Amino acid sequence: MNRMPALAPEAWNDEQRTLAEEIINGPRGALLPPFEPLLRSPELMAHTQRMGEYLRYRSSIGQRLTELAILVTARHWSQTVEWAIHAPIALEKGISASAIEAINQRQVPKELQDDEWVIYHFCQQLQQNQQVSDETWQQAVALWGEKGVVDLIGINGYYSLLSMVMNAARTPAPASSHTLHCPDVKRD
């Protein structure tokens, strides 16, 4: 059961309306599921969406690699909304279908380009070990510089935040042909 369903626009207070319209009129074009529960805290929602707008659309690692990092993070958190939204985008941006399915199945992908391997290992290490090996760090800095590495860390943190919000609120995934297989998700 969705604990924080979308609020009807006529029920928004002035602050909610102003900040929701900022999102609706931005590159997202709508108040997407991650922002439905966050609308209860409009200022947090506004700051969150601004950071996400930068990380998703303008990060220094580019959209293809950003989408891969989002998928690895969504899978780590068993986050069905982010998966449903971003798996098709990752495919469109050039991440192979077999890599997407392997990540979905919690398997190591077999088909990744060299820069995608660095993203995959960086995200896996950061999320599972709470740190990144010297080798992976150096590979990432060599590819994207320190700015790119900070952006990559930001993508992991931002999508972890959204995942925690939606997992706690039990935000349902939109209809998608890309379904996250989550036998590990338990609902009471």
N, C-alpha and C. Protein backbone atom coordinates (compact mmCIF):
# COMPACT_ATOMS: atom_id res chain seq x y z
N MET A 1 0.83 -1.18 0.00
CA MET A 1 0.00 0.00 0.00
C MET A 1 0.88 1.25 0.00
N ASN A 2 0.60 2.17 -0.89
CA ASN A 2 1.33 3.42 -1.01
C ASN A 2 1.05 4.28 0.22
N ARG A 3 2.07 4.52 1.03
CA ARG A 3 1.90 5.29 2.26
C ARG A 3 1.78 6.79 2.01
N MET A 4 2.30 7.25 0.89
CA MET A 4 2.27 8.68 0.57
C MET A 4 1.91 8.88 -0.89
N PRO A 5 0.65 8.62 -1.23
CA PRO A 5 0.24 8.78 -2.63
C PRO A 5 0.32 10.24 -3.06
N ALA A 6 0.23 10.44 -4.35
CA ALA A 6 0.26 11.80 -4.90
C ALA A 6 -0.84 12.63 -4.27
N LEU A 7 -0.49 13.85 -3.92
CA LEU A 7 -1.48 14.79 -3.40
C LEU A 7 -2.17 15.46 -4.59
N ALA A 8 -3.46 15.64 -4.50
CA ALA A 8 -4.20 16.32 -5.56
C ALA A 8 -3.73 17.77 -5.64
N PRO A 9 -3.48 18.29 -6.84
CA PRO A 9 -3.00 19.68 -6.98
C PRO A 9 -3.87 20.69 -6.25
N GLU A 10 -5.17 20.47 -6.18
CA GLU A 10 -6.04 21.42 -5.47
C GLU A 10 -5.81 21.39 -3.96
N ALA A 11 -5.13 20.36 -3.46
CA ALA A 11 -4.84 20.27 -2.03
C ALA A 11 -3.47 20.87 -1.67
N TRP A 12 -2.68 21.24 -2.68
CA TRP A 12 -1.35 21.79 -2.41
C TRP A 12 -1.48 23.16 -1.75
N ASN A 13 -0.60 23.41 -0.77
CA ASN A 13 -0.53 24.76 -0.22
C ASN A 13 0.32 25.62 -1.17
N ASP A 14 0.46 26.89 -0.88
CA ASP A 14 1.17 27.79 -1.79
C ASP A 14 2.62 27.37 -2.01
N GLU A 15 3.30 26.98 -0.94
CA GLU A 15 4.70 26.55 -1.08
C GLU A 15 4.79 25.28 -1.93
N GLN A 16 3.94 24.32 -1.66
CA GLN A 16 3.94 23.09 -2.46
C GLN A 16 3.67 23.39 -3.93
N ARG A 17 2.69 24.26 -4.20
CA ARG A 17 2.34 24.60 -5.59
C ARG A 17 3.52 25.26 -6.31
N THR A 18 4.13 26.24 -5.67
CA THR A 18 5.25 26.95 -6.29
C THR A 18 6.39 25.99 -6.62
N LEU A 19 6.75 25.15 -5.66
CA LEU A 19 7.90 24.27 -5.86
C LEU A 19 7.56 23.08 -6.76
N ALA A 20 6.33 22.59 -6.72
CA ALA A 20 5.92 21.51 -7.64
C ALA A 20 5.91 22.03 -9.07
N GLU A 21 5.43 23.25 -9.27
CA GLU A 21 5.40 23.82 -10.62
C GLU A 21 6.80 24.04 -11.17
N GLU A 22 7.76 24.31 -10.29
CA GLU A 22 9.15 24.42 -10.72
C GLU A 22 9.62 23.10 -11.34
N ILE A 23 9.25 21.99 -10.73
CA ILE A 23 9.61 20.67 -11.26
C ILE A 23 8.84 20.39 -12.56
N ILE A 24 7.56 20.65 -12.54
CA ILE A 24 6.71 20.38 -13.70
C ILE A 24 7.18 21.18 -14.92
N ASN A 25 7.61 22.40 -14.69
CA ASN A 25 8.05 23.27 -15.79
C ASN A 25 9.52 23.09 -16.16
N GLY A 26 10.22 22.18 -15.48
CA GLY A 26 11.63 21.91 -15.75
C GLY A 26 11.78 20.75 -16.73
N PRO A 27 12.99 20.19 -16.83
CA PRO A 27 13.24 19.14 -17.81
C PRO A 27 12.45 17.85 -17.56
N ARG A 28 11.98 17.63 -16.35
CA ARG A 28 11.22 16.41 -16.08
C ARG A 28 9.82 16.48 -16.68
N GLY A 29 9.23 17.69 -16.70
CA GLY A 29 7.93 17.90 -17.32
C GLY A 29 6.74 17.39 -16.52
N ALA A 30 6.98 16.84 -15.34
CA ALA A 30 5.89 16.30 -14.51
C ALA A 30 6.41 16.13 -13.09
N LEU A 31 5.50 15.98 -12.17
CA LEU A 31 5.86 15.66 -10.80
C LEU A 31 5.91 14.14 -10.71
N LEU A 32 7.09 13.59 -10.96
CA LEU A 32 7.27 12.15 -11.04
C LEU A 32 7.20 11.49 -9.67
N PRO A 33 7.03 10.16 -9.64
CA PRO A 33 6.85 9.44 -8.37
C PRO A 33 7.86 9.77 -7.27
N PRO A 34 9.14 9.96 -7.56
CA PRO A 34 10.03 10.25 -6.43
C PRO A 34 9.66 11.53 -5.68
N PHE A 35 8.99 12.45 -6.37
CA PHE A 35 8.69 13.73 -5.74
C PHE A 35 7.31 13.75 -5.09
N GLU A 36 6.51 12.72 -5.32
CA GLU A 36 5.19 12.66 -4.69
C GLU A 36 5.30 12.58 -3.16
N PRO A 37 6.09 11.67 -2.60
CA PRO A 37 6.22 11.68 -1.14
C PRO A 37 7.00 12.91 -0.64
N LEU A 38 8.00 13.35 -1.42
CA LEU A 38 8.81 14.49 -1.00
C LEU A 38 8.02 15.79 -0.96
N LEU A 39 6.89 15.86 -1.67
CA LEU A 39 6.07 17.08 -1.66
C LEU A 39 5.59 17.42 -0.25
N ARG A 40 5.56 16.43 0.65
CA ARG A 40 5.16 16.69 2.03
C ARG A 40 6.16 17.62 2.73
N SER A 41 7.40 17.66 2.22
CA SER A 41 8.43 18.58 2.71
C SER A 41 8.92 19.38 1.51
N PRO A 42 8.20 20.42 1.13
CA PRO A 42 8.45 21.10 -0.14
C PRO A 42 9.87 21.64 -0.30
N GLU A 43 10.44 22.19 0.75
CA GLU A 43 11.79 22.74 0.61
C GLU A 43 12.80 21.62 0.38
N LEU A 44 12.67 20.51 1.11
CA LEU A 44 13.54 19.36 0.86
C LEU A 44 13.36 18.87 -0.57
N MET A 45 12.11 18.78 -1.03
CA MET A 45 11.84 18.34 -2.39
C MET A 45 12.53 19.25 -3.40
N ALA A 46 12.44 20.56 -3.20
CA ALA A 46 13.04 21.52 -4.14
C ALA A 46 14.55 21.37 -4.20
N HIS A 47 15.19 21.26 -3.05
CA HIS A 47 16.65 21.10 -3.04
C HIS A 47 17.05 19.76 -3.66
N THR A 48 16.28 18.73 -3.35
CA THR A 48 16.55 17.40 -3.89
C THR A 48 16.43 17.41 -5.41
N GLN A 49 15.38 17.98 -5.94
CA GLN A 49 15.18 17.97 -7.39
C GLN A 49 16.24 18.79 -8.10
N ARG A 50 16.71 19.87 -7.49
CA ARG A 50 17.76 20.67 -8.15
C ARG A 50 19.06 19.88 -8.25
N MET A 51 19.39 19.17 -7.18
CA MET A 51 20.59 18.34 -7.24
C MET A 51 20.40 17.24 -8.27
N GLY A 52 19.25 16.62 -8.27
CA GLY A 52 18.98 15.55 -9.22
C GLY A 52 18.96 16.03 -10.66
N GLU A 53 18.46 17.24 -10.89
CA GLU A 53 18.45 17.78 -12.25
C GLU A 53 19.87 17.90 -12.78
N TYR A 54 20.78 18.39 -11.92
CA TYR A 54 22.18 18.47 -12.35
C TYR A 54 22.75 17.08 -12.59
N LEU A 55 22.60 16.19 -11.62
CA LEU A 55 23.23 14.87 -11.71
C LEU A 55 22.67 14.05 -12.87
N ARG A 56 21.38 14.13 -13.11
CA ARG A 56 20.79 13.32 -14.18
C ARG A 56 21.06 13.89 -15.56
N TYR A 57 20.96 15.18 -15.72
CA TYR A 57 21.01 15.77 -17.06
C TYR A 57 22.35 16.41 -17.42
N ARG A 58 23.17 16.78 -16.42
CA ARG A 58 24.39 17.53 -16.75
C ARG A 58 25.64 17.03 -16.03
N SER A 59 25.61 15.86 -15.45
CA SER A 59 26.80 15.37 -14.75
C SER A 59 27.98 15.30 -15.72
N SER A 60 29.15 15.43 -15.18
CA SER A 60 30.34 15.45 -16.03
C SER A 60 30.71 14.07 -16.58
N ILE A 61 30.02 13.01 -16.15
CA ILE A 61 30.31 11.68 -16.72
C ILE A 61 29.39 11.36 -17.90
N GLY A 62 28.40 12.20 -18.16
CA GLY A 62 27.51 11.99 -19.31
C GLY A 62 26.32 11.12 -18.96
N GLN A 63 25.30 11.20 -19.79
CA GLN A 63 24.04 10.52 -19.49
C GLN A 63 24.11 9.00 -19.59
N ARG A 64 24.86 8.45 -20.51
CA ARG A 64 24.94 6.98 -20.63
C ARG A 64 25.48 6.39 -19.33
N LEU A 65 26.58 6.93 -18.84
CA LEU A 65 27.19 6.39 -17.64
C LEU A 65 26.38 6.74 -16.39
N THR A 66 25.74 7.90 -16.41
CA THR A 66 24.86 8.25 -15.31
C THR A 66 23.73 7.24 -15.19
N GLU A 67 23.14 6.86 -16.32
CA GLU A 67 22.04 5.89 -16.29
C GLU A 67 22.51 4.53 -15.75
N LEU A 68 23.71 4.13 -16.11
CA LEU A 68 24.24 2.87 -15.56
C LEU A 68 24.40 2.97 -14.05
N ALA A 69 24.95 4.07 -13.57
CA ALA A 69 25.11 4.26 -12.12
C ALA A 69 23.76 4.26 -11.42
N ILE A 70 22.76 4.86 -12.05
CA ILE A 70 21.41 4.87 -11.47
C ILE A 70 20.88 3.44 -11.35
N LEU A 71 21.07 2.64 -12.39
CA LEU A 71 20.57 1.25 -12.34
C LEU A 71 21.27 0.44 -11.26
N VAL A 72 22.57 0.58 -11.15
CA VAL A 72 23.29 -0.17 -10.11
C VAL A 72 22.78 0.24 -8.72
N THR A 73 22.53 1.53 -8.55
CA THR A 73 22.03 2.03 -7.27
C THR A 73 20.59 1.57 -7.03
N ALA A 74 19.75 1.66 -8.06
CA ALA A 74 18.36 1.22 -7.91
C ALA A 74 18.31 -0.26 -7.54
N ARG A 75 19.17 -1.06 -8.16
CA ARG A 75 19.17 -2.49 -7.86
C ARG A 75 19.67 -2.76 -6.46
N HIS A 76 20.68 -2.00 -6.03
CA HIS A 76 21.20 -2.16 -4.67
C HIS A 76 20.07 -1.96 -3.65
N TRP A 77 19.21 -0.98 -3.90
CA TRP A 77 18.12 -0.65 -2.99
C TRP A 77 16.82 -1.39 -3.34
N SER A 78 16.84 -2.27 -4.34
CA SER A 78 15.61 -2.95 -4.80
C SER A 78 14.51 -1.93 -5.05
N GLN A 79 14.86 -0.86 -5.74
CA GLN A 79 13.96 0.27 -5.95
C GLN A 79 13.27 0.14 -7.30
N THR A 80 12.02 -0.29 -7.27
CA THR A 80 11.28 -0.59 -8.48
C THR A 80 10.90 0.64 -9.30
N VAL A 81 10.63 1.77 -8.66
CA VAL A 81 10.26 2.98 -9.39
C VAL A 81 11.45 3.46 -10.23
N GLU A 82 12.60 3.61 -9.60
CA GLU A 82 13.78 4.09 -10.32
C GLU A 82 14.16 3.11 -11.42
N TRP A 83 14.02 1.83 -11.16
CA TRP A 83 14.33 0.84 -12.19
C TRP A 83 13.39 0.99 -13.38
N ALA A 84 12.09 1.09 -13.12
CA ALA A 84 11.11 1.19 -14.20
C ALA A 84 11.34 2.45 -15.04
N ILE A 85 11.74 3.53 -14.40
CA ILE A 85 11.99 4.78 -15.12
C ILE A 85 13.30 4.71 -15.90
N HIS A 86 14.35 4.19 -15.27
CA HIS A 86 15.69 4.35 -15.85
C HIS A 86 16.19 3.18 -16.69
N ALA A 87 15.63 1.98 -16.55
CA ALA A 87 16.08 0.88 -17.41
C ALA A 87 15.84 1.20 -18.89
N PRO A 88 14.68 1.70 -19.27
CA PRO A 88 14.49 2.04 -20.69
C PRO A 88 15.40 3.18 -21.16
N ILE A 89 15.66 4.13 -20.28
CA ILE A 89 16.54 5.24 -20.65
C ILE A 89 17.97 4.73 -20.82
N ALA A 90 18.42 3.85 -19.92
CA ALA A 90 19.76 3.28 -20.04
C ALA A 90 19.92 2.54 -21.35
N LEU A 91 18.92 1.78 -21.73
CA LEU A 91 18.94 1.05 -23.00
C LEU A 91 19.03 2.04 -24.17
N GLU A 92 18.23 3.08 -24.11
CA GLU A 92 18.23 4.11 -25.16
C GLU A 92 19.58 4.83 -25.26
N LYS A 93 20.24 5.01 -24.11
CA LYS A 93 21.52 5.73 -24.08
C LYS A 93 22.70 4.84 -24.44
N GLY A 94 22.47 3.51 -24.61
CA GLY A 94 23.53 2.65 -25.08
C GLY A 94 24.02 1.57 -24.14
N ILE A 95 23.39 1.42 -22.99
CA ILE A 95 23.75 0.30 -22.11
C ILE A 95 23.07 -0.95 -22.68
N SER A 96 23.82 -2.03 -22.82
CA SER A 96 23.27 -3.22 -23.47
C SER A 96 22.15 -3.85 -22.65
N ALA A 97 21.19 -4.42 -23.36
CA ALA A 97 20.06 -5.10 -22.72
C ALA A 97 20.55 -6.23 -21.82
N SER A 98 21.58 -6.95 -22.27
CA SER A 98 22.08 -8.06 -21.45
C SER A 98 22.72 -7.55 -20.16
N ALA A 99 23.38 -6.41 -20.20
CA ALA A 99 23.97 -5.83 -18.98
C ALA A 99 22.87 -5.39 -18.03
N ILE A 100 21.83 -4.77 -18.58
CA ILE A 100 20.71 -4.34 -17.74
C ILE A 100 20.06 -5.54 -17.07
N GLU A 101 19.83 -6.59 -17.81
CA GLU A 101 19.20 -7.78 -17.24
C GLU A 101 20.12 -8.45 -16.21
N ALA A 102 21.42 -8.49 -16.46
CA ALA A 102 22.35 -9.07 -15.48
C ALA A 102 22.30 -8.29 -14.16
N ILE A 103 22.32 -6.97 -14.26
CA ILE A 103 22.23 -6.16 -13.03
C ILE A 103 20.92 -6.44 -12.32
N ASN A 104 19.85 -6.52 -13.08
CA ASN A 104 18.53 -6.84 -12.53
C ASN A 104 18.57 -8.16 -11.75
N GLN A 105 19.28 -9.14 -12.28
CA GLN A 105 19.36 -10.47 -11.67
C GLN A 105 20.46 -10.56 -10.59
N ARG A 106 21.09 -9.41 -10.28
CA ARG A 106 22.21 -9.37 -9.32
C ARG A 106 23.39 -10.23 -9.78
N GLN A 107 23.60 -10.24 -11.07
CA GLN A 107 24.73 -10.95 -11.66
C GLN A 107 25.70 -9.92 -12.24
N VAL A 108 26.95 -10.32 -12.35
CA VAL A 108 27.94 -9.44 -12.97
C VAL A 108 27.68 -9.42 -14.47
N PRO A 109 27.51 -8.22 -15.04
CA PRO A 109 27.26 -8.15 -16.49
C PRO A 109 28.45 -8.68 -17.27
N LYS A 110 28.19 -9.25 -18.43
CA LYS A 110 29.26 -9.74 -19.29
C LYS A 110 29.57 -8.73 -20.41
N GLU A 111 28.60 -7.88 -20.72
CA GLU A 111 28.76 -6.94 -21.83
C GLU A 111 28.76 -5.50 -21.34
N LEU A 112 29.92 -5.02 -20.95
CA LEU A 112 30.08 -3.61 -20.61
C LEU A 112 31.29 -3.06 -21.34
N GLN A 113 31.20 -1.81 -21.76
CA GLN A 113 32.36 -1.15 -22.34
C GLN A 113 33.35 -0.83 -21.22
N ASP A 114 34.58 -0.49 -21.57
CA ASP A 114 35.61 -0.25 -20.56
C ASP A 114 35.19 0.80 -19.53
N ASP A 115 34.64 1.93 -19.98
CA ASP A 115 34.24 2.97 -19.03
C ASP A 115 33.04 2.52 -18.19
N GLU A 116 32.19 1.68 -18.75
CA GLU A 116 31.06 1.15 -18.00
C GLU A 116 31.51 0.22 -16.89
N TRP A 117 32.58 -0.54 -17.14
CA TRP A 117 33.13 -1.41 -16.09
C TRP A 117 33.58 -0.59 -14.90
N VAL A 118 34.21 0.53 -15.17
CA VAL A 118 34.68 1.38 -14.06
C VAL A 118 33.48 1.90 -13.26
N ILE A 119 32.44 2.34 -13.95
CA ILE A 119 31.22 2.79 -13.26
C ILE A 119 30.64 1.66 -12.41
N TYR A 120 30.51 0.49 -13.03
CA TYR A 120 29.92 -0.65 -12.33
C TYR A 120 30.71 -0.99 -11.07
N HIS A 121 32.03 -1.13 -11.20
CA HIS A 121 32.85 -1.49 -10.03
C HIS A 121 32.85 -0.39 -8.98
N PHE A 122 32.94 0.87 -9.42
CA PHE A 122 32.93 1.99 -8.48
C PHE A 122 31.64 1.97 -7.64
N CYS A 123 30.50 1.85 -8.32
CA CYS A 123 29.21 1.85 -7.62
C CYS A 123 29.06 0.63 -6.71
N GLN A 124 29.42 -0.53 -7.21
CA GLN A 124 29.34 -1.74 -6.40
C GLN A 124 30.19 -1.62 -5.14
N GLN A 125 31.42 -1.17 -5.31
CA GLN A 125 32.31 -1.05 -4.16
C GLN A 125 31.79 -0.02 -3.16
N LEU A 126 31.37 1.13 -3.66
CA LEU A 126 30.88 2.19 -2.77
C LEU A 126 29.65 1.72 -2.00
N GLN A 127 28.74 1.04 -2.67
CA GLN A 127 27.50 0.63 -2.02
C GLN A 127 27.67 -0.59 -1.13
N GLN A 128 28.46 -1.55 -1.55
CA GLN A 128 28.59 -2.78 -0.78
C GLN A 128 29.68 -2.71 0.28
N ASN A 129 30.77 -2.00 -0.02
CA ASN A 129 31.90 -1.95 0.91
C ASN A 129 32.01 -0.61 1.64
N GLN A 130 31.17 0.35 1.27
CA GLN A 130 31.20 1.70 1.80
C GLN A 130 32.55 2.39 1.56
N GLN A 131 33.25 1.96 0.53
CA GLN A 131 34.51 2.57 0.11
C GLN A 131 34.85 2.08 -1.29
N VAL A 132 35.86 2.70 -1.88
CA VAL A 132 36.27 2.37 -3.24
C VAL A 132 37.75 2.02 -3.21
N SER A 133 38.14 0.94 -3.87
CA SER A 133 39.54 0.52 -3.89
C SER A 133 40.40 1.59 -4.57
N ASP A 134 41.68 1.60 -4.24
CA ASP A 134 42.61 2.54 -4.88
C ASP A 134 42.64 2.35 -6.39
N GLU A 135 42.62 1.12 -6.84
CA GLU A 135 42.68 0.83 -8.27
C GLU A 135 41.46 1.41 -9.00
N THR A 136 40.27 1.16 -8.47
CA THR A 136 39.06 1.67 -9.10
C THR A 136 39.01 3.20 -9.03
N TRP A 137 39.43 3.75 -7.90
CA TRP A 137 39.47 5.22 -7.75
C TRP A 137 40.38 5.84 -8.81
N GLN A 138 41.56 5.27 -8.96
CA GLN A 138 42.52 5.81 -9.94
C GLN A 138 42.00 5.68 -11.37
N GLN A 139 41.33 4.57 -11.67
CA GLN A 139 40.73 4.42 -13.00
C GLN A 139 39.67 5.48 -13.25
N ALA A 140 38.85 5.73 -12.26
CA ALA A 140 37.79 6.73 -12.40
C ALA A 140 38.37 8.14 -12.56
N VAL A 141 39.36 8.48 -11.77
CA VAL A 141 39.98 9.80 -11.88
C VAL A 141 40.66 9.95 -13.24
N ALA A 142 41.29 8.89 -13.72
CA ALA A 142 41.94 8.95 -15.03
C ALA A 142 40.91 9.18 -16.14
N LEU A 143 39.72 8.62 -16.01
CA LEU A 143 38.69 8.77 -17.04
C LEU A 143 37.93 10.10 -16.95
N TRP A 144 37.58 10.53 -15.74
CA TRP A 144 36.67 11.67 -15.59
C TRP A 144 37.19 12.79 -14.72
N GLY A 145 38.40 12.64 -14.18
CA GLY A 145 38.92 13.68 -13.29
C GLY A 145 38.19 13.66 -11.95
N GLU A 146 38.66 14.51 -11.06
CA GLU A 146 38.07 14.55 -9.73
C GLU A 146 36.62 15.03 -9.77
N LYS A 147 36.31 15.97 -10.67
CA LYS A 147 34.93 16.45 -10.80
C LYS A 147 34.00 15.29 -11.16
N GLY A 148 34.40 14.47 -12.11
CA GLY A 148 33.59 13.33 -12.51
C GLY A 148 33.40 12.33 -11.39
N VAL A 149 34.45 12.12 -10.61
CA VAL A 149 34.36 11.18 -9.49
C VAL A 149 33.39 11.72 -8.44
N VAL A 150 33.46 13.01 -8.17
CA VAL A 150 32.53 13.60 -7.20
C VAL A 150 31.10 13.51 -7.73
N ASP A 151 30.91 13.77 -9.03
CA ASP A 151 29.57 13.62 -9.62
C ASP A 151 29.08 12.18 -9.49
N LEU A 152 29.95 11.21 -9.73
CA LEU A 152 29.57 9.80 -9.62
C LEU A 152 29.17 9.46 -8.18
N ILE A 153 29.91 9.95 -7.22
CA ILE A 153 29.54 9.74 -5.81
C ILE A 153 28.19 10.40 -5.55
N GLY A 154 27.99 11.60 -6.09
CA GLY A 154 26.71 12.29 -5.92
C GLY A 154 25.55 11.52 -6.50
N ILE A 155 25.73 10.91 -7.67
CA ILE A 155 24.67 10.11 -8.29
C ILE A 155 24.30 8.95 -7.37
N ASN A 156 25.31 8.28 -6.83
CA ASN A 156 25.04 7.18 -5.90
C ASN A 156 24.27 7.67 -4.67
N GLY A 157 24.67 8.79 -4.11
CA GLY A 157 24.00 9.33 -2.92
C GLY A 157 22.60 9.82 -3.21
N TYR A 158 22.44 10.53 -4.32
CA TYR A 158 21.13 11.08 -4.68
C TYR A 158 20.12 9.96 -4.92
N TYR A 159 20.50 8.97 -5.71
CA TYR A 159 19.55 7.89 -6.00
C TYR A 159 19.36 6.96 -4.82
N SER A 160 20.31 6.92 -3.89
CA SER A 160 20.09 6.20 -2.63
C SER A 160 19.04 6.93 -1.80
N LEU A 161 19.13 8.27 -1.74
CA LEU A 161 18.12 9.05 -1.03
C LEU A 161 16.73 8.82 -1.61
N LEU A 162 16.60 8.94 -2.94
CA LEU A 162 15.29 8.72 -3.56
C LEU A 162 14.80 7.30 -3.28
N SER A 163 15.70 6.34 -3.35
CA SER A 163 15.32 4.95 -3.09
C SER A 163 14.82 4.77 -1.67
N MET A 164 15.51 5.37 -0.71
CA MET A 164 15.07 5.25 0.68
C MET A 164 13.69 5.89 0.87
N VAL A 165 13.49 7.07 0.29
CA VAL A 165 12.20 7.75 0.42
C VAL A 165 11.09 6.87 -0.16
N MET A 166 11.29 6.40 -1.39
CA MET A 166 10.21 5.62 -2.03
C MET A 166 10.04 4.23 -1.42
N ASN A 167 11.12 3.61 -0.97
CA ASN A 167 10.97 2.31 -0.32
C ASN A 167 10.19 2.47 1.00
N ALA A 168 10.52 3.51 1.77
CA ALA A 168 9.81 3.73 3.03
C ALA A 168 8.35 4.10 2.78
N ALA A 169 8.10 4.93 1.76
CA ALA A 169 6.74 5.36 1.44
C ALA A 169 5.97 4.30 0.65
N ARG A 170 6.67 3.27 0.19
CA ARG A 170 6.08 2.22 -0.63
C ARG A 170 5.45 2.78 -1.90
N THR A 171 6.18 3.66 -2.54
CA THR A 171 5.72 4.26 -3.79
C THR A 171 5.68 3.18 -4.86
N PRO A 172 4.55 2.97 -5.51
CA PRO A 172 4.47 1.91 -6.52
C PRO A 172 5.15 2.33 -7.82
N ALA A 173 5.70 1.34 -8.49
CA ALA A 173 6.36 1.59 -9.78
C ALA A 173 5.34 1.88 -10.85
N PRO A 174 5.68 2.78 -11.78
CA PRO A 174 4.79 3.00 -12.91
C PRO A 174 4.84 1.79 -13.84
N ALA A 175 3.85 1.67 -14.67
CA ALA A 175 3.83 0.57 -15.65
C ALA A 175 5.05 0.69 -16.55
N SER A 176 5.73 -0.41 -16.76
CA SER A 176 6.94 -0.42 -17.59
C SER A 176 7.16 -1.82 -18.12
N SER A 177 7.78 -1.88 -19.28
CA SER A 177 8.17 -3.18 -19.81
C SER A 177 9.43 -3.67 -19.12
N HIS A 178 10.06 -2.78 -18.35
CA HIS A 178 11.27 -3.14 -17.61
C HIS A 178 10.89 -3.30 -16.15
N THR A 179 10.86 -4.52 -15.70
CA THR A 179 10.46 -4.82 -14.33
C THR A 179 11.67 -5.27 -13.54
N LEU A 180 11.82 -4.70 -12.36
CA LEU A 180 12.89 -5.12 -11.47
C LEU A 180 12.43 -6.37 -10.75
N HIS A 181 13.20 -7.43 -10.86
CA HIS A 181 12.89 -8.68 -10.18
C HIS A 181 13.38 -8.56 -8.74
N CYS A 182 12.45 -8.46 -7.81
CA CYS A 182 12.81 -8.21 -6.43
C CYS A 182 12.24 -9.26 -5.49
N PRO A 183 12.69 -10.49 -5.56
CA PRO A 183 12.20 -11.46 -4.61
C PRO A 183 12.65 -11.14 -3.19
N ASP A 184 13.68 -10.25 -3.08
CA ASP A 184 14.20 -9.87 -1.77
C ASP A 184 13.39 -8.77 -1.10
N VAL A 185 12.40 -8.20 -1.78
CA VAL A 185 11.58 -7.14 -1.19
C VAL A 185 10.41 -7.78 -0.48
N LYS A 186 10.29 -7.46 0.79
CA LYS A 186 9.19 -8.01 1.60
C LYS A 186 8.26 -6.88 1.98
N ARG A 187 6.99 -7.08 1.82
CA ARG A 187 5.96 -6.10 2.20
C ARG A 187 5.10 -6.74 3.30
N ASP A 188 4.88 -5.97 4.35
CA ASP A 188 4.02 -6.50 5.43
C ASP A 188 2.61 -6.00 5.32
